[in-house]
Amino acid sequence: MKTNKSATRNRAPGPARIAELTLRIAERANRLAQERGMAPGRELDLWLEAEAEVKRELRRAARRR
């Protein structure tokens, strides 16, 4: 049976995938904060930057498959 790849990609991720994604973003945000001297008040900016980086990495990896 042929699999519809776009339908597979568009399904909402399960709780385990969400937890994994959240952990990866948190780890990246923490590394960014450490690299930038842990300046207070930048948490949201760092989180959003980390989220964008992690999602970009995941998209690149998915395209290589």
C-alpha atoms as a PDB file:
ATOM      1  CA  MET A   1       0.000   0.000   0.000  1.00  0.00           C
ATOM      2  CA  LYS A   2       1.315   3.417  -0.953  1.00  0.00           C
ATOM      3  CA  THR A   3       1.790   5.928   1.895  1.00  0.00           C
ATOM      4  CA  ASN A   4       0.719   9.517   1.452  1.00  0.00           C
ATOM      5  CA  LYS A   5       3.811  11.384   2.685  1.00  0.00           C
ATOM      6  CA  SER A   6       2.113  14.776   2.965  1.00  0.00           C
ATOM      7  CA  ALA A   7      -0.650  13.305   5.126  1.00  0.00           C
ATOM      8  CA  THR A   8       1.948  11.665   7.346  1.00  0.00           C
ATOM      9  CA  ARG A   9       3.878  14.916   7.731  1.00  0.00           C
ATOM     10  CA  ASN A  10       0.772  16.967   8.513  1.00  0.00           C
ATOM     11  CA  ARG A  11      -0.396  14.834  11.434  1.00  0.00           C
ATOM     12  CA  ALA A  12      -0.112  16.427  14.846  1.00  0.00           C
ATOM     13  CA  PRO A  13       2.833  15.116  16.857  1.00  0.00           C
ATOM     14  CA  GLY A  14       2.106  12.919  19.848  1.00  0.00           C
ATOM     15  CA  PRO A  15       2.974  13.808  23.444  1.00  0.00           C
ATOM     16  CA  ALA A  16       6.351  12.042  23.291  1.00  0.00           C
ATOM     17  CA  ARG A  17       7.373  14.020  20.194  1.00  0.00           C
ATOM     18  CA  ILE A  18       6.235  17.271  21.781  1.00  0.00           C
ATOM     19  CA  ALA A  19       8.208  16.490  24.942  1.00  0.00           C
ATOM     20  CA  GLU A  20      11.306  15.657  22.866  1.00  0.00           C
ATOM     21  CA  LEU A  21      10.967  18.864  20.847  1.00  0.00           C
ATOM     22  CA  THR A  22      10.479  20.944  23.998  1.00  0.00           C
ATOM     23  CA  LEU A  23      13.571  19.401  25.577  1.00  0.00           C
ATOM     24  CA  ARG A  24      15.690  20.083  22.492  1.00  0.00           C
ATOM     25  CA  ILE A  25      14.529  23.697  22.418  1.00  0.00           C
ATOM     26  CA  ALA A  26      15.203  24.134  26.142  1.00  0.00           C
ATOM     27  CA  GLU A  27      18.709  22.697  25.792  1.00  0.00           C
ATOM     28  CA  ARG A  28      19.470  24.973  22.836  1.00  0.00           C
ATOM     29  CA  ALA A  29      18.047  28.032  24.636  1.00  0.00           C
ATOM     30  CA  ASN A  30      20.216  27.231  27.653  1.00  0.00           C
ATOM     31  CA  ARG A  31      23.331  26.976  25.457  1.00  0.00           C
ATOM     32  CA  LEU A  32      22.486  30.310  23.836  1.00  0.00           C
ATOM     33  CA  ALA A  33      22.020  31.903  27.271  1.00  0.00           C
ATOM     34  CA  GLN A  34      25.369  30.544  28.452  1.00  0.00           C
ATOM     35  CA  GLU A  35      27.105  31.785  25.306  1.00  0.00           C
ATOM     36  CA  ARG A  36      25.629  35.247  25.886  1.00  0.00           C
ATOM     37  CA  GLY A  37      26.401  35.563  29.570  1.00  0.00           C
ATOM     38  CA  MET A  38      22.994  34.566  30.997  1.00  0.00           C
ATOM     39  CA  ALA A  39      21.624  38.129  30.654  1.00  0.00           C
ATOM     40  CA  PRO A  40      18.302  38.382  32.522  1.00  0.00           C
ATOM     41  CA  GLY A  41      15.172  39.452  30.663  1.00  0.00           C
ATOM     42  CA  ARG A  42      16.090  37.697  27.404  1.00  0.00           C
ATOM     43  CA  GLU A  43      14.489  34.331  28.140  1.00  0.00           C
ATOM     44  CA  LEU A  44      11.656  34.650  25.623  1.00  0.00           C
ATOM     45  CA  ASP A  45      13.940  35.925  22.867  1.00  0.00           C
ATOM     46  CA  LEU A  46      16.366  33.071  23.468  1.00  0.00           C
ATOM     47  CA  TRP A  47      13.551  30.506  23.535  1.00  0.00           C
ATOM     48  CA  LEU A  48      12.130  31.759  20.247  1.00  0.00           C
ATOM     49  CA  GLU A  49      15.571  31.783  18.627  1.00  0.00           C
ATOM     50  CA  ALA A  50      16.269  28.263  19.866  1.00  0.00           C
ATOM     51  CA  GLU A  51      12.852  27.078  18.681  1.00  0.00           C
ATOM     52  CA  ALA A  52      13.472  28.451  15.197  1.00  0.00           C
ATOM     53  CA  GLU A  53      16.915  26.813  15.040  1.00  0.00           C
ATOM     54  CA  VAL A  54      15.677  23.413  16.199  1.00  0.00           C
ATOM     55  CA  LYS A  55      12.727  23.427  13.803  1.00  0.00           C
ATOM     56  CA  ARG A  56      14.984  24.486  10.925  1.00  0.00           C
ATOM     57  CA  GLU A  57      17.335  21.581  11.733  1.00  0.00           C
ATOM     58  CA  LEU A  58      14.411  19.152  11.807  1.00  0.00           C
ATOM     59  CA  ARG A  59      13.107  20.387   8.431  1.00  0.00           C
ATOM     60  CA  ARG A  60      16.570  19.976   6.879  1.00  0.00           C
ATOM     61  CA  ALA A  61      16.864  16.460   8.275  1.00  0.00           C
ATOM     62  CA  ALA A  62      13.394  15.565   6.966  1.00  0.00           C
ATOM     63  CA  ARG A  63      14.299  16.776   3.463  1.00  0.00           C
ATOM     64  CA  ARG A  64      17.359  14.506   3.410  1.00  0.00           C
ATOM     65  CA  ARG A  65      15.240  11.392   3.971  1.00  0.00           C
END
